[in-house]
């Protein structure tokens, strides 16, 4: 099965939160309410250095994905 790069998620246990799930490496979930990121990967020290430069771009892409999706719902 092919998954989209980003998936929107919500949960009634967290009524004020909207989550974006990044399904490709490095996988993570970001809570757009407070920009808290939960990484779904285990990293070693070498990976962490590379990730720090990549993480900012991925989080920006997650926010852009959310904005795009919301605009599409509003257009319908």
Protein backbone atom coordinates (compact mmCIF):
# COMPACT_ATOMS: atom_id res chain seq x y z
CA UNK A 1 0.00 0.00 0.00
CA UNK A 2 1.26 3.45 -0.85
CA UNK A 3 0.70 6.05 1.86
CA UNK A 4 0.56 9.81 1.45
CA UNK A 5 3.53 11.71 2.83
CA UNK A 6 1.31 13.58 5.33
CA UNK A 7 -1.96 12.62 7.01
CA UNK A 8 -4.24 14.90 9.05
CA UNK A 9 -5.53 13.54 12.33
CA UNK A 10 -7.75 14.61 15.16
CA UNK A 11 -8.99 12.94 18.30
CA UNK A 12 -11.89 13.83 20.58
CA UNK A 13 -9.63 13.20 23.60
CA UNK A 14 -7.63 16.23 22.40
CA UNK A 15 -10.40 18.57 21.21
CA UNK A 16 -8.15 21.61 20.70
CA UNK A 17 -5.39 19.74 18.85
CA UNK A 18 -4.84 18.96 15.21
CA UNK A 19 -2.16 16.45 14.31
CA UNK A 20 -0.16 15.94 11.13
CA UNK A 21 1.47 12.55 10.70
CA UNK A 22 4.58 12.33 8.51
CA UNK A 23 4.70 8.77 7.15
CA UNK A 24 8.15 8.76 5.53
CA UNK A 25 11.53 8.55 7.23
CA UNK A 26 11.95 10.17 9.67
CA UNK A 27 8.38 9.50 10.79
CA UNK A 28 6.81 11.89 13.27
CA UNK A 29 3.56 13.35 14.54
CA UNK A 30 3.28 17.08 15.11
CA UNK A 31 0.60 18.70 17.24
CA UNK A 32 -0.12 21.95 15.43
CA UNK A 33 -1.63 23.45 18.58
CA UNK A 34 1.78 23.79 20.21
CA UNK A 35 4.21 22.48 17.54
CA UNK A 36 5.19 19.59 19.79
CA UNK A 37 6.82 16.81 17.76
CA UNK A 38 6.81 13.11 18.63
CA UNK A 39 9.41 11.19 16.63
CA UNK A 40 8.46 7.62 15.72
CA UNK A 41 12.06 6.62 15.05
CA UNK A 42 15.03 5.84 17.27
CA UNK A 43 18.07 7.93 16.41
CA UNK A 44 21.71 7.61 17.30
CA UNK A 45 24.00 10.62 17.78
CA UNK A 46 25.07 10.68 14.14
CA UNK A 47 21.44 10.66 12.96
CA UNK A 48 20.54 13.51 15.33
CA UNK A 49 23.03 15.86 13.67
CA UNK A 50 21.56 15.19 10.22
CA UNK A 51 18.02 15.36 11.57
CA UNK A 52 18.37 18.82 13.07
CA UNK A 53 18.88 20.35 9.63
CA UNK A 54 16.12 18.27 8.06
CA UNK A 55 13.57 18.63 10.89
CA UNK A 56 12.87 22.31 10.36
CA UNK A 57 12.09 21.79 6.67
CA UNK A 58 9.82 18.81 7.40
CA UNK A 59 7.89 20.70 10.06
CA UNK A 60 7.44 23.61 7.66
CA UNK A 61 6.14 21.16 5.03
CA UNK A 62 3.71 19.69 7.59
CA UNK A 63 2.31 23.16 8.32
CA UNK A 64 2.03 23.93 4.61
CA UNK A 65 0.21 20.63 4.08
CA UNK A 66 -2.28 21.53 6.81
CA UNK A 67 -2.89 25.00 5.32
CA UNK A 68 -3.43 23.48 1.86
CA UNK A 69 -5.90 20.90 3.19
CA UNK A 70 -7.88 23.50 5.14
CA UNK A 71 -8.07 25.73 2.06
CA UNK A 72 -9.40 22.81 0.02
CA UNK A 73 -12.15 22.15 2.57
CA UNK A 74 -13.09 25.82 2.61
CA UNK A 75 -13.30 25.88 -1.20
CA UNK A 76 -15.86 23.05 -1.25
